[in-house]
Amino acid sequence: MPNHLTPEELSKELGIDRQEVIKVCVEESIPIYQGKIDKTLFQAQLQALGAMPQHH
């Protein structure tokens, strides 16, 4: 499974709006490199913000 996803792929996988994905990236300084976002970094930042439950 790829770790770097487009905003569209990430929004589908996490069940949040594409625009919200981009907004979080901009506000939290998560890099979007060549149109792709590091899924692990994005999820970790959402957890730090308390916006996503932690998986054990």
C-alpha atoms as a PDB file:
ATOM      1  CA  MET A   1       0.000   0.000   0.000  1.00  0.00           C
ATOM      2  CA  PRO A   2       1.476   3.373  -0.962  1.00  0.00           C
ATOM      3  CA  ASN A   3       2.300   5.834   1.785  1.00  0.00           C
ATOM      4  CA  HIS A   4       2.220   8.962  -0.394  1.00  0.00           C
ATOM      5  CA  LEU A   5      -1.269   9.766  -1.622  1.00  0.00           C
ATOM      6  CA  THR A   6      -2.945  12.545  -3.555  1.00  0.00           C
ATOM      7  CA  PRO A   7      -5.365  14.748  -1.606  1.00  0.00           C
ATOM      8  CA  GLU A   8      -8.241  12.920  -3.338  1.00  0.00           C
ATOM      9  CA  GLU A   9      -6.951   9.478  -2.343  1.00  0.00           C
ATOM     10  CA  LEU A  10      -6.273  10.611   1.221  1.00  0.00           C
ATOM     11  CA  SER A  11      -9.728  12.151   1.588  1.00  0.00           C
ATOM     12  CA  LYS A  12     -11.385   8.926   0.390  1.00  0.00           C
ATOM     13  CA  GLU A  13      -9.260   6.761   2.669  1.00  0.00           C
ATOM     14  CA  LEU A  14      -9.812   8.879   5.781  1.00  0.00           C
ATOM     15  CA  GLY A  15     -13.402   9.895   5.036  1.00  0.00           C
ATOM     16  CA  ILE A  16     -12.785  13.650   5.098  1.00  0.00           C
ATOM     17  CA  ASP A  17     -13.263  16.303   2.440  1.00  0.00           C
ATOM     18  CA  ARG A  18     -10.436  16.927  -0.056  1.00  0.00           C
ATOM     19  CA  GLN A  19     -10.435  20.649   0.761  1.00  0.00           C
ATOM     20  CA  GLU A  20     -10.085  19.797   4.472  1.00  0.00           C
ATOM     21  CA  VAL A  21      -7.041  17.634   3.678  1.00  0.00           C
ATOM     22  CA  ILE A  22      -5.388  20.542   1.878  1.00  0.00           C
ATOM     23  CA  LYS A  23      -6.387  22.998   4.618  1.00  0.00           C
ATOM     24  CA  VAL A  24      -4.777  20.828   7.313  1.00  0.00           C
ATOM     25  CA  CYS A  25      -1.611  20.484   5.208  1.00  0.00           C
ATOM     26  CA  VAL A  26      -1.319  24.258   4.778  1.00  0.00           C
ATOM     27  CA  GLU A  27      -2.159  25.117   8.400  1.00  0.00           C
ATOM     28  CA  GLU A  28       0.098  22.431   9.902  1.00  0.00           C
ATOM     29  CA  SER A  29       2.979  22.776   7.402  1.00  0.00           C
ATOM     30  CA  ILE A  30       2.598  19.233   6.076  1.00  0.00           C
ATOM     31  CA  PRO A  31       4.429  19.158   2.747  1.00  0.00           C
ATOM     32  CA  ILE A  32       2.614  18.304  -0.472  1.00  0.00           C
ATOM     33  CA  TYR A  33       5.419  17.067  -2.710  1.00  0.00           C
ATOM     34  CA  GLN A  34       4.674  16.566  -6.393  1.00  0.00           C
ATOM     35  CA  GLY A  35       0.964  16.491  -5.582  1.00  0.00           C
ATOM     36  CA  LYS A  36       1.274  13.789  -2.927  1.00  0.00           C
ATOM     37  CA  ILE A  37       1.016  13.824   0.864  1.00  0.00           C
ATOM     38  CA  ASP A  38       2.743  11.494   3.330  1.00  0.00           C
ATOM     39  CA  LYS A  39      -0.183   9.570   4.825  1.00  0.00           C
ATOM     40  CA  THR A  40       1.663   8.634   8.031  1.00  0.00           C
ATOM     41  CA  LEU A  41       2.684  12.234   8.696  1.00  0.00           C
ATOM     42  CA  PHE A  42      -0.837  13.484   7.933  1.00  0.00           C
ATOM     43  CA  GLN A  43      -2.465  10.929  10.264  1.00  0.00           C
ATOM     44  CA  ALA A  44       0.041  11.675  13.042  1.00  0.00           C
ATOM     45  CA  GLN A  45      -0.740  15.377  12.769  1.00  0.00           C
ATOM     46  CA  LEU A  46      -4.498  14.724  12.899  1.00  0.00           C
ATOM     47  CA  GLN A  47      -3.976  12.622  16.024  1.00  0.00           C
ATOM     48  CA  ALA A  48      -1.890  15.395  17.595  1.00  0.00           C
ATOM     49  CA  LEU A  49      -4.728  17.813  16.856  1.00  0.00           C
ATOM     50  CA  GLY A  50      -7.210  15.383  18.415  1.00  0.00           C
ATOM     51  CA  ALA A  51      -9.147  15.125  15.176  1.00  0.00           C
ATOM     52  CA  MET A  52      -8.655  11.403  14.687  1.00  0.00           C
ATOM     53  CA  PRO A  53      -8.829   8.465  17.113  1.00  0.00           C
ATOM     54  CA  GLN A  54      -5.605   6.600  17.718  1.00  0.00           C
ATOM     55  CA  HIS A  55      -5.363   3.036  16.449  1.00  0.00           C
ATOM     56  CA  HIS A  56      -3.718   0.521  18.770  1.00  0.00           C
END
